[in-house]
Amino acid sequence: MKSVEAKQQPYNDLAFFADSMHGSLARKLRIFGMDTAYMSSISDEHLLRECIHQGRILLTSDKELFRRSMYKRIRSVLLRGRSDKENIVKIFRECNISEILFDPAFARCPTCNLELEKKEKGAIDDPNDLIPPKSYLMYSDFYQCSRCAKIYWEGSHKPALVSLAKSVKQELDGISRTI
């Protein structure tokens, strides 16, 4: 069941396509609820066609690809950061996004990019095959992708994601104060 609140995200109408150099960034954006396409093996021409066809914003650090996208009038962000955090800040700034949300109810599958569905423990088929027993006992909230069937929960990675969101927000607040 999809959350109605997901439609109220401040960046719900934005869709991105990260080039093949930005898989880690794509996964993080998906976790933060952003519709981010990514293919590890895609030609530049195919990538540009997909951006046009799907109305996606290109995310790239390839200056030549960026130049070609601008020539084709594809909205693009040239990434120059050394970290995913720096690149997220740049994307948010260029797309006028002022908030970053870390809420698993809004997350997308880091692998497939589909919205995740919340699952009650009892509604998970064969949990022993999909979730480590200790995690199944420790956590009560689970989220499943309807395409790949992977199941996610707020595990040990949560503090790092919360910290990243907080750091991005602080950076955005600093940028907006200086503008």
Foldseek 3Di string as FASTA:
>chain_A
DADPCLCVDPCNVAAAEEELVQLVLLLLCQQQQHHYHYDNDDDLVRSLVCCVVVVHEYEEQDPVSVVVSVVVVRHYFHDDDPDSLSRVLSVCVVVVNQATDRDLSRHAHSVPSHRWDKDFLVRQPPVVVAPPPVCSVPDGIWTADPPPRHIDDCDPCVVVSVVSRVVSNVVSVVVVVVD
